[in-house]
């Protein structure tokens, strides 16, 4: 059993991606026997997140961080708290979405550097600095189009024997504009791309999952395992059951594929089970 903190980088806002929009994931983890706690950002008088700044002293084994903010979602003290948590052996999953959404993750050292954005830490390949999702004009790169919300995409496991892909994890929920992740410069000894996906518009392959194992901090302390994931839509209610609804600013028509055939979610159910086990080390 793992003690897992599910956390967003925004205070509660009804018409946004608040933590209650990840309730199916939370219920799934609890059904597997894990102690899952779900919280939105909770600021103290200094403007830091009251949980994250002191995370290493709290009774959690893992942090699943959904960076759903448009800016300022993590303070330097929050980032230091998360890094200290990893130095204590805590496992961390970080995920964001298109363009600059969740760019606050950049403060998390090498783990943050695995996330590429539009304005900062861009993908090294400049040929990728162009829109991939061509339908939603208000969103620009990185915005890889893996399919409609409410449908699934096929992922390509680069190491099918890795524990994250046990029980034939071959599909994850799709999303019209996923973000970009990759192995940071100088991190090849402890970070690697474990899965890629394919754009439904351009046919380009893009990274979906980057895993960290064996990293050490500047003092030589081993850090807990970590994952950088291309989009939080792999985990939210709207993508597991679009009947649950979404914030009003989501205007792409969803698919009803997973409603018609719930077995399409077997992959993400297995994947999240594997993540919880693997992050525990």
C-alpha atoms as a PDB file:
ATOM      1  CA  UNK A   1       0.000   0.000   0.000  1.00  0.00           C
ATOM      2  CA  UNK A   2       1.196   3.514  -0.801  1.00  0.00           C
ATOM      3  CA  UNK A   3       0.182   6.792   0.779  1.00  0.00           C
ATOM      4  CA  UNK A   4      -0.415   9.020  -2.242  1.00  0.00           C
ATOM      5  CA  UNK A   5      -1.058  12.758  -2.353  1.00  0.00           C
ATOM      6  CA  UNK A   6      -2.928  13.849  -5.486  1.00  0.00           C
ATOM      7  CA  UNK A   7      -2.353  17.569  -5.862  1.00  0.00           C
ATOM      8  CA  UNK A   8      -3.174  20.367  -8.306  1.00  0.00           C
ATOM      9  CA  UNK A   9      -1.175  23.586  -8.674  1.00  0.00           C
ATOM     10  CA  UNK A  10      -4.270  25.818  -8.429  1.00  0.00           C
ATOM     11  CA  UNK A  11      -6.561  26.755  -5.538  1.00  0.00           C
ATOM     12  CA  UNK A  12     -10.085  25.418  -5.925  1.00  0.00           C
ATOM     13  CA  UNK A  13     -11.929  27.070  -8.796  1.00  0.00           C
ATOM     14  CA  UNK A  14     -15.227  25.538  -9.876  1.00  0.00           C
ATOM     15  CA  UNK A  15     -14.736  26.254 -13.590  1.00  0.00           C
ATOM     16  CA  UNK A  16     -11.210  24.861 -13.812  1.00  0.00           C
ATOM     17  CA  UNK A  17      -9.257  21.615 -13.469  1.00  0.00           C
ATOM     18  CA  UNK A  18      -9.645  21.373  -9.676  1.00  0.00           C
ATOM     19  CA  UNK A  19      -8.785  18.145  -7.877  1.00  0.00           C
ATOM     20  CA  UNK A  20     -12.383  16.835  -7.838  1.00  0.00           C
ATOM     21  CA  UNK A  21     -12.013  16.418 -11.606  1.00  0.00           C
ATOM     22  CA  UNK A  22      -9.570  13.582 -10.822  1.00  0.00           C
ATOM     23  CA  UNK A  23     -12.023  11.695  -8.583  1.00  0.00           C
ATOM     24  CA  UNK A  24     -12.143   8.534 -10.720  1.00  0.00           C
ATOM     25  CA  UNK A  25      -8.360   8.186 -10.434  1.00  0.00           C
ATOM     26  CA  UNK A  26      -8.562   8.740  -6.683  1.00  0.00           C
ATOM     27  CA  UNK A  27     -11.304   6.108  -6.335  1.00  0.00           C
ATOM     28  CA  UNK A  28      -9.330   3.690  -8.515  1.00  0.00           C
ATOM     29  CA  UNK A  29      -6.219   4.026  -6.345  1.00  0.00           C
ATOM     30  CA  UNK A  30      -8.252   3.553  -3.180  1.00  0.00           C
ATOM     31  CA  UNK A  31      -9.847   0.479  -4.724  1.00  0.00           C
ATOM     32  CA  UNK A  32      -6.342  -0.932  -5.176  1.00  0.00           C
ATOM     33  CA  UNK A  33      -5.729  -0.522  -1.447  1.00  0.00           C
ATOM     34  CA  UNK A  34      -3.740   2.718  -1.517  1.00  0.00           C
ATOM     35  CA  UNK A  35      -4.401   5.629   0.822  1.00  0.00           C
ATOM     36  CA  UNK A  36      -5.095   8.436  -1.636  1.00  0.00           C
ATOM     37  CA  UNK A  37      -5.521  12.030  -0.452  1.00  0.00           C
ATOM     38  CA  UNK A  38      -6.778  14.627  -2.955  1.00  0.00           C
ATOM     39  CA  UNK A  39      -6.043  18.334  -2.470  1.00  0.00           C
ATOM     40  CA  UNK A  40      -5.962  21.549  -4.451  1.00  0.00           C
ATOM     41  CA  UNK A  41      -3.276  24.160  -3.838  1.00  0.00           C
ATOM     42  CA  UNK A  42      -3.558  25.521  -0.293  1.00  0.00           C
ATOM     43  CA  UNK A  43      -1.509  28.676   0.273  1.00  0.00           C
ATOM     44  CA  UNK A  44      -0.080  29.832   3.586  1.00  0.00           C
ATOM     45  CA  UNK A  45       0.579  33.434   4.601  1.00  0.00           C
ATOM     46  CA  UNK A  46       3.837  33.456   2.601  1.00  0.00           C
ATOM     47  CA  UNK A  47       2.057  32.387  -0.589  1.00  0.00           C
ATOM     48  CA  UNK A  48       3.618  28.931  -0.556  1.00  0.00           C
ATOM     49  CA  UNK A  49       1.640  25.715  -0.601  1.00  0.00           C
ATOM     50  CA  UNK A  50       1.238  24.616   3.014  1.00  0.00           C
ATOM     51  CA  UNK A  51       1.595  20.929   2.142  1.00  0.00           C
ATOM     52  CA  UNK A  52       4.366  21.083  -0.438  1.00  0.00           C
ATOM     53  CA  UNK A  53       6.846  23.210   1.517  1.00  0.00           C
ATOM     54  CA  UNK A  54       6.832  20.596   4.286  1.00  0.00           C
ATOM     55  CA  UNK A  55       6.106  17.520   2.181  1.00  0.00           C
ATOM     56  CA  UNK A  56       9.103  15.499   3.408  1.00  0.00           C
ATOM     57  CA  UNK A  57       7.766  15.643   6.974  1.00  0.00           C
ATOM     58  CA  UNK A  58       4.266  14.521   6.035  1.00  0.00           C
ATOM     59  CA  UNK A  59       2.958  10.937   5.911  1.00  0.00           C
ATOM     60  CA  UNK A  60       3.067  10.434   2.150  1.00  0.00           C
ATOM     61  CA  UNK A  61       5.075   8.047  -0.001  1.00  0.00           C
ATOM     62  CA  UNK A  62       4.171   9.622  -3.344  1.00  0.00           C
ATOM     63  CA  UNK A  63       3.123  12.919  -4.893  1.00  0.00           C
ATOM     64  CA  UNK A  64       1.062  12.921  -8.101  1.00  0.00           C
ATOM     65  CA  UNK A  65       1.248  16.561  -9.178  1.00  0.00           C
ATOM     66  CA  UNK A  66      -1.174  17.892 -11.790  1.00  0.00           C
ATOM     67  CA  UNK A  67       0.238  21.196 -13.067  1.00  0.00           C
ATOM     68  CA  UNK A  68      -2.958  22.768 -14.355  1.00  0.00           C
ATOM     69  CA  UNK A  69      -2.035  26.417 -13.734  1.00  0.00           C
ATOM     70  CA  UNK A  70      -1.422  29.194 -16.253  1.00  0.00           C
ATOM     71  CA  UNK A  71       1.505  30.553 -14.238  1.00  0.00           C
ATOM     72  CA  UNK A  72       2.845  30.752 -10.708  1.00  0.00           C
ATOM     73  CA  UNK A  73       1.592  27.338  -9.671  1.00  0.00           C
ATOM     74  CA  UNK A  74       4.710  26.527  -7.634  1.00  0.00           C
ATOM     75  CA  UNK A  75       6.905  28.853  -5.602  1.00  0.00           C
ATOM     76  CA  UNK A  76      10.647  28.258  -5.093  1.00  0.00           C
ATOM     77  CA  UNK A  77       9.821  27.013  -1.582  1.00  0.00           C
ATOM     78  CA  UNK A  78       7.263  24.568  -2.995  1.00  0.00           C
ATOM     79  CA  UNK A  79       9.846  23.235  -5.438  1.00  0.00           C
ATOM     80  CA  UNK A  80      12.437  22.890  -2.666  1.00  0.00           C
ATOM     81  CA  UNK A  81       9.896  20.949  -0.604  1.00  0.00           C
ATOM     82  CA  UNK A  82       9.238  18.528  -3.454  1.00  0.00           C
ATOM     83  CA  UNK A  83      12.956  18.010  -4.100  1.00  0.00           C
ATOM     84  CA  UNK A  84      13.528  17.347  -0.385  1.00  0.00           C
ATOM     85  CA  UNK A  85      10.636  14.863  -0.489  1.00  0.00           C
ATOM     86  CA  UNK A  86      12.380  12.987  -3.283  1.00  0.00           C
ATOM     87  CA  UNK A  87      15.620  13.020  -1.275  1.00  0.00           C
ATOM     88  CA  UNK A  88      13.665  11.298   1.490  1.00  0.00           C
ATOM     89  CA  UNK A  89      12.784   8.602  -1.045  1.00  0.00           C
ATOM     90  CA  UNK A  90       9.382   9.899  -2.097  1.00  0.00           C
ATOM     91  CA  UNK A  91       8.134   9.069  -5.567  1.00  0.00           C
ATOM     92  CA  UNK A  92       6.776  11.862  -7.772  1.00  0.00           C
ATOM     93  CA  UNK A  93       4.626  11.921 -10.898  1.00  0.00           C
ATOM     94  CA  UNK A  94       4.492  15.286 -12.684  1.00  0.00           C
ATOM     95  CA  UNK A  95       2.161  16.082 -15.539  1.00  0.00           C
ATOM     96  CA  UNK A  96       0.974  19.160 -17.379  1.00  0.00           C
ATOM     97  CA  UNK A  97      -0.568  19.952 -20.776  1.00  0.00           C
ATOM     98  CA  UNK A  98      -0.137  22.093 -23.902  1.00  0.00           C
ATOM     99  CA  UNK A  99       1.890  25.241 -24.571  1.00  0.00           C
ATOM    100  CA  UNK A 100       2.913  26.891 -21.242  1.00  0.00           C
ATOM    101  CA  UNK A 101       0.277  25.227 -19.094  1.00  0.00           C
ATOM    102  CA  UNK A 102       2.066  23.932 -15.997  1.00  0.00           C
ATOM    103  CA  UNK A 103       5.377  25.663 -16.727  1.00  0.00           C
ATOM    104  CA  UNK A 104       5.867  26.015 -12.969  1.00  0.00           C
ATOM    105  CA  UNK A 105       7.295  22.473 -13.080  1.00  0.00           C
ATOM    106  CA  UNK A 106      10.500  23.952 -14.494  1.00  0.00           C
ATOM    107  CA  UNK A 107      11.656  24.627 -10.929  1.00  0.00           C
ATOM    108  CA  UNK A 108      11.951  20.919 -10.091  1.00  0.00           C
ATOM    109  CA  UNK A 109      15.533  20.360 -11.217  1.00  0.00           C
ATOM    110  CA  UNK A 110      16.111  17.622 -13.789  1.00  0.00           C
ATOM    111  CA  UNK A 111      12.542  16.382 -13.371  1.00  0.00           C
ATOM    112  CA  UNK A 112      11.256  19.824 -14.287  1.00  0.00           C
ATOM    113  CA  UNK A 113      13.675  20.022 -17.202  1.00  0.00           C
ATOM    114  CA  UNK A 114      11.983  16.947 -18.688  1.00  0.00           C
ATOM    115  CA  UNK A 115       8.978  19.172 -19.470  1.00  0.00           C
ATOM    116  CA  UNK A 116       9.256  21.364 -22.574  1.00  0.00           C
ATOM    117  CA  UNK A 117       7.080  24.439 -23.014  1.00  0.00           C
ATOM    118  CA  UNK A 118       6.424  27.212 -25.516  1.00  0.00           C
ATOM    119  CA  UNK A 119       8.128  30.091 -23.716  1.00  0.00           C
ATOM    120  CA  UNK A 120      10.746  28.271 -21.637  1.00  0.00           C
ATOM    121  CA  UNK A 121      12.811  25.088 -21.956  1.00  0.00           C
ATOM    122  CA  UNK A 122      11.674  24.472 -25.503  1.00  0.00           C
ATOM    123  CA  UNK A 123      12.119  21.146 -27.247  1.00  0.00           C
ATOM    124  CA  UNK A 124      15.689  20.946 -28.585  1.00  0.00           C
ATOM    125  CA  UNK A 125      14.469  20.066 -32.085  1.00  0.00           C
ATOM    126  CA  UNK A 126      13.411  23.417 -33.542  1.00  0.00           C
ATOM    127  CA  UNK A 127      11.461  21.629 -36.273  1.00  0.00           C
ATOM    128  CA  UNK A 128       8.945  20.830 -33.552  1.00  0.00           C
ATOM    129  CA  UNK A 129       8.351  24.502 -32.789  1.00  0.00           C
ATOM    130  CA  UNK A 130       5.112  24.585 -34.730  1.00  0.00           C
ATOM    131  CA  UNK A 131       1.484  23.790 -34.045  1.00  0.00           C
ATOM    132  CA  UNK A 132       0.445  20.157 -34.272  1.00  0.00           C
ATOM    133  CA  UNK A 133      -3.212  20.505 -33.281  1.00  0.00           C
ATOM    134  CA  UNK A 134      -4.524  22.736 -36.068  1.00  0.00           C
ATOM    135  CA  UNK A 135      -8.156  22.846 -34.938  1.00  0.00           C
ATOM    136  CA  UNK A 136      -7.995  24.817 -31.689  1.00  0.00           C
ATOM    137  CA  UNK A 137      -6.304  27.955 -32.983  1.00  0.00           C
ATOM    138  CA  UNK A 138      -6.001  29.574 -29.549  1.00  0.00           C
ATOM    139  CA  UNK A 139      -3.543  26.871 -28.454  1.00  0.00           C
ATOM    140  CA  UNK A 140      -0.089  26.629 -29.948  1.00  0.00           C
ATOM    141  CA  UNK A 141       2.931  24.354 -29.632  1.00  0.00           C
ATOM    142  CA  UNK A 142       3.698  22.083 -28.013  1.00  0.00           C
ATOM    143  CA  UNK A 143       0.202  20.723 -28.653  1.00  0.00           C
ATOM    144  CA  UNK A 144       0.420  17.162 -29.998  1.00  0.00           C
ATOM    145  CA  UNK A 145      -2.948  15.872 -31.182  1.00  0.00           C
ATOM    146  CA  UNK A 146      -3.391  12.276 -29.987  1.00  0.00           C
ATOM    147  CA  UNK A 147      -7.157  12.181 -30.535  1.00  0.00           C
ATOM    148  CA  UNK A 148     -10.425  13.427 -29.042  1.00  0.00           C
ATOM    149  CA  UNK A 149     -11.177  13.610 -25.348  1.00  0.00           C
ATOM    150  CA  UNK A 150     -13.213  10.528 -24.496  1.00  0.00           C
ATOM    151  CA  UNK A 151     -11.228   8.303 -26.861  1.00  0.00           C
ATOM    152  CA  UNK A 152      -7.955   6.418 -26.470  1.00  0.00           C
ATOM    153  CA  UNK A 153      -4.617   6.464 -28.247  1.00  0.00           C
ATOM    154  CA  UNK A 154      -2.124   3.695 -28.856  1.00  0.00           C
ATOM    155  CA  UNK A 155       1.213   4.243 -27.160  1.00  0.00           C
ATOM    156  CA  UNK A 156       4.482   2.603 -28.143  1.00  0.00           C
ATOM    157  CA  UNK A 157       6.394   1.200 -25.173  1.00  0.00           C
ATOM    158  CA  UNK A 158      10.119   1.467 -25.842  1.00  0.00           C
ATOM    159  CA  UNK A 159      10.737  -1.165 -23.157  1.00  0.00           C
ATOM    160  CA  UNK A 160       7.726  -3.457 -23.039  1.00  0.00           C
ATOM    161  CA  UNK A 161       9.276  -5.357 -20.115  1.00  0.00           C
ATOM    162  CA  UNK A 162       9.382  -2.297 -17.866  1.00  0.00           C
ATOM    163  CA  UNK A 163       7.091  -2.634 -14.809  1.00  0.00           C
ATOM    164  CA  UNK A 164       5.067   0.408 -15.900  1.00  0.00           C
ATOM    165  CA  UNK A 165       3.743  -1.625 -18.835  1.00  0.00           C
ATOM    166  CA  UNK A 166       2.828  -4.825 -17.003  1.00  0.00           C
ATOM    167  CA  UNK A 167      -0.452  -6.391 -18.155  1.00  0.00           C
ATOM    168  CA  UNK A 168      -0.072  -5.062 -21.688  1.00  0.00           C
ATOM    169  CA  UNK A 169      -0.498  -1.335 -21.253  1.00  0.00           C
ATOM    170  CA  UNK A 170      -0.946  -0.318 -24.889  1.00  0.00           C
ATOM    171  CA  UNK A 171      -3.486   2.507 -24.720  1.00  0.00           C
ATOM    172  CA  UNK A 172      -3.959   5.696 -22.731  1.00  0.00           C
ATOM    173  CA  UNK A 173      -6.706   8.335 -22.936  1.00  0.00           C
ATOM    174  CA  UNK A 174      -6.372  10.640 -25.934  1.00  0.00           C
ATOM    175  CA  UNK A 175      -6.299  14.434 -25.909  1.00  0.00           C
ATOM    176  CA  UNK A 176      -6.358  17.039 -28.716  1.00  0.00           C
ATOM    177  CA  UNK A 177      -3.239  18.885 -27.527  1.00  0.00           C
ATOM    178  CA  UNK A 178      -0.678  17.126 -25.323  1.00  0.00           C
ATOM    179  CA  UNK A 179       2.475  18.770 -24.046  1.00  0.00           C
ATOM    180  CA  UNK A 180       6.095  17.817 -24.676  1.00  0.00           C
ATOM    181  CA  UNK A 181       8.469  15.798 -22.489  1.00  0.00           C
ATOM    182  CA  UNK A 182      11.975  14.457 -23.044  1.00  0.00           C
ATOM    183  CA  UNK A 183      15.226  13.404 -21.391  1.00  0.00           C
ATOM    184  CA  UNK A 184      17.029  16.519 -20.110  1.00  0.00           C
ATOM    185  CA  UNK A 185      20.575  17.271 -21.138  1.00  0.00           C
ATOM    186  CA  UNK A 186      23.009  15.411 -18.872  1.00  0.00           C
ATOM    187  CA  UNK A 187      20.325  13.104 -17.447  1.00  0.00           C
ATOM    188  CA  UNK A 188      20.741  10.062 -19.703  1.00  0.00           C
ATOM    189  CA  UNK A 189      22.247   8.016 -16.854  1.00  0.00           C
ATOM    190  CA  UNK A 190      19.018   8.100 -14.847  1.00  0.00           C
ATOM    191  CA  UNK A 191      16.229   9.267 -17.184  1.00  0.00           C
ATOM    192  CA  UNK A 192      14.804   7.697 -20.313  1.00  0.00           C
ATOM    193  CA  UNK A 193      11.783   7.916 -22.578  1.00  0.00           C
ATOM    194  CA  UNK A 194       9.649   4.867 -21.898  1.00  0.00           C
ATOM    195  CA  UNK A 195       6.740   5.490 -24.258  1.00  0.00           C
ATOM    196  CA  UNK A 196       5.876   7.531 -27.320  1.00  0.00           C
ATOM    197  CA  UNK A 197       2.632   8.293 -29.107  1.00  0.00           C
ATOM    198  CA  UNK A 198       1.681   9.434 -32.597  1.00  0.00           C
ATOM    199  CA  UNK A 199      -0.049  12.624 -33.679  1.00  0.00           C
ATOM    200  CA  UNK A 200      -3.330  12.039 -35.463  1.00  0.00           C
ATOM    201  CA  UNK A 201      -2.830  15.165 -37.585  1.00  0.00           C
ATOM    202  CA  UNK A 202       0.833  15.256 -38.567  1.00  0.00           C
ATOM    203  CA  UNK A 203       1.832  11.623 -38.000  1.00  0.00           C
ATOM    204  CA  UNK A 204       4.744  12.830 -35.872  1.00  0.00           C
ATOM    205  CA  UNK A 205       5.936  10.653 -33.018  1.00  0.00           C
ATOM    206  CA  UNK A 206       6.179  12.443 -29.679  1.00  0.00           C
ATOM    207  CA  UNK A 207       7.261  11.444 -26.184  1.00  0.00           C
ATOM    208  CA  UNK A 208       4.559  10.498 -23.714  1.00  0.00           C
ATOM    209  CA  UNK A 209       6.342   9.146 -20.615  1.00  0.00           C
ATOM    210  CA  UNK A 210       9.822   9.878 -19.233  1.00  0.00           C
ATOM    211  CA  UNK A 211      10.949   7.917 -16.157  1.00  0.00           C
ATOM    212  CA  UNK A 212      13.645   8.819 -13.625  1.00  0.00           C
ATOM    213  CA  UNK A 213      15.398   6.054 -11.697  1.00  0.00           C
ATOM    214  CA  UNK A 214      18.806   6.288 -10.016  1.00  0.00           C
ATOM    215  CA  UNK A 215      19.087  10.077  -9.883  1.00  0.00           C
ATOM    216  CA  UNK A 216      21.127  11.685  -7.084  1.00  0.00           C
ATOM    217  CA  UNK A 217      21.023  15.238  -5.804  1.00  0.00           C
ATOM    218  CA  UNK A 218      23.952  17.653  -5.518  1.00  0.00           C
ATOM    219  CA  UNK A 219      24.886  16.122  -2.161  1.00  0.00           C
ATOM    220  CA  UNK A 220      24.964  12.629  -3.605  1.00  0.00           C
ATOM    221  CA  UNK A 221      21.729  11.512  -1.961  1.00  0.00           C
ATOM    222  CA  UNK A 222      19.610   9.095  -4.023  1.00  0.00           C
ATOM    223  CA  UNK A 223      16.315  10.603  -5.117  1.00  0.00           C
ATOM    224  CA  UNK A 224      13.000   8.808  -5.283  1.00  0.00           C
ATOM    225  CA  UNK A 225      11.739   7.588  -8.615  1.00  0.00           C
ATOM    226  CA  UNK A 226       9.817  10.051 -10.764  1.00  0.00           C
ATOM    227  CA  UNK A 227       7.780  10.329 -13.957  1.00  0.00           C
ATOM    228  CA  UNK A 228       7.261  13.234 -16.359  1.00  0.00           C
ATOM    229  CA  UNK A 229       4.036  12.743 -18.335  1.00  0.00           C
ATOM    230  CA  UNK A 230       2.883  14.671 -21.403  1.00  0.00           C
ATOM    231  CA  UNK A 231      -0.645  15.518 -20.245  1.00  0.00           C
ATOM    232  CA  UNK A 232      -2.816  15.382 -17.135  1.00  0.00           C
ATOM    233  CA  UNK A 233      -5.680  14.340 -19.408  1.00  0.00           C
ATOM    234  CA  UNK A 234      -4.402  10.779 -19.126  1.00  0.00           C
ATOM    235  CA  UNK A 235      -5.743  10.892 -15.568  1.00  0.00           C
ATOM    236  CA  UNK A 236      -8.788  13.171 -15.310  1.00  0.00           C
ATOM    237  CA  UNK A 237     -12.480  12.269 -15.081  1.00  0.00           C
ATOM    238  CA  UNK A 238     -13.415  13.947 -18.360  1.00  0.00           C
ATOM    239  CA  UNK A 239     -11.107  11.624 -20.286  1.00  0.00           C
ATOM    240  CA  UNK A 240     -12.204   8.503 -18.408  1.00  0.00           C
ATOM    241  CA  UNK A 241     -15.904   9.433 -18.710  1.00  0.00           C
ATOM    242  CA  UNK A 242     -16.739  12.591 -20.709  1.00  0.00           C
ATOM    243  CA  UNK A 243     -20.227  12.578 -19.170  1.00  0.00           C
ATOM    244  CA  UNK A 244     -18.513  13.955 -16.035  1.00  0.00           C
ATOM    245  CA  UNK A 245     -18.071  17.276 -17.841  1.00  0.00           C
ATOM    246  CA  UNK A 246     -15.222  19.735 -18.182  1.00  0.00           C
ATOM    247  CA  UNK A 247     -14.529  23.417 -17.549  1.00  0.00           C
ATOM    248  CA  UNK A 248     -16.459  25.753 -19.837  1.00  0.00           C
ATOM    249  CA  UNK A 249     -13.328  26.778 -21.772  1.00  0.00           C
ATOM    250  CA  UNK A 250     -13.031  23.264 -23.237  1.00  0.00           C
ATOM    251  CA  UNK A 251     -14.903  23.510 -26.525  1.00  0.00           C
ATOM    252  CA  UNK A 252     -13.608  20.587 -28.622  1.00  0.00           C
ATOM    253  CA  UNK A 253     -16.391  18.032 -29.170  1.00  0.00           C
ATOM    254  CA  UNK A 254     -15.599  14.880 -27.174  1.00  0.00           C
ATOM    255  CA  UNK A 255     -15.795  11.301 -28.376  1.00  0.00           C
ATOM    256  CA  UNK A 256     -18.084   8.775 -26.700  1.00  0.00           C
ATOM    257  CA  UNK A 257     -15.728   5.861 -27.368  1.00  0.00           C
ATOM    258  CA  UNK A 258     -14.935   5.034 -23.728  1.00  0.00           C
ATOM    259  CA  UNK A 259     -18.611   5.396 -22.795  1.00  0.00           C
ATOM    260  CA  UNK A 260     -19.608   2.892 -25.471  1.00  0.00           C
ATOM    261  CA  UNK A 261     -16.736   0.552 -24.626  1.00  0.00           C
ATOM    262  CA  UNK A 262     -15.385   0.939 -21.061  1.00  0.00           C
ATOM    263  CA  UNK A 263     -12.856  -1.842 -21.706  1.00  0.00           C
ATOM    264  CA  UNK A 264     -10.827   0.795 -23.579  1.00  0.00           C
ATOM    265  CA  UNK A 265      -9.815   2.074 -20.132  1.00  0.00           C
ATOM    266  CA  UNK A 266      -8.118  -1.170 -19.133  1.00  0.00           C
ATOM    267  CA  UNK A 267      -4.789   0.241 -20.235  1.00  0.00           C
ATOM    268  CA  UNK A 268      -4.907   3.367 -18.071  1.00  0.00           C
ATOM    269  CA  UNK A 269      -6.295   1.409 -15.127  1.00  0.00           C
ATOM    270  CA  UNK A 270      -3.348  -0.980 -15.362  1.00  0.00           C
ATOM    271  CA  UNK A 271      -0.912   1.866 -15.948  1.00  0.00           C
ATOM    272  CA  UNK A 272      -1.969   3.835 -12.867  1.00  0.00           C
ATOM    273  CA  UNK A 273      -1.746   0.647 -10.797  1.00  0.00           C
ATOM    274  CA  UNK A 274       1.778   0.091 -12.135  1.00  0.00           C
ATOM    275  CA  UNK A 275       2.782   3.719 -11.483  1.00  0.00           C
ATOM    276  CA  UNK A 276       1.737   3.472  -7.838  1.00  0.00           C
ATOM    277  CA  UNK A 277       3.758   0.279  -7.414  1.00  0.00           C
ATOM    278  CA  UNK A 278       6.842   1.490  -9.309  1.00  0.00           C
ATOM    279  CA  UNK A 279       7.088   4.885  -7.604  1.00  0.00           C
ATOM    280  CA  UNK A 280       7.217   3.085  -4.264  1.00  0.00           C
ATOM    281  CA  UNK A 281      10.560   1.628  -5.372  1.00  0.00           C
END
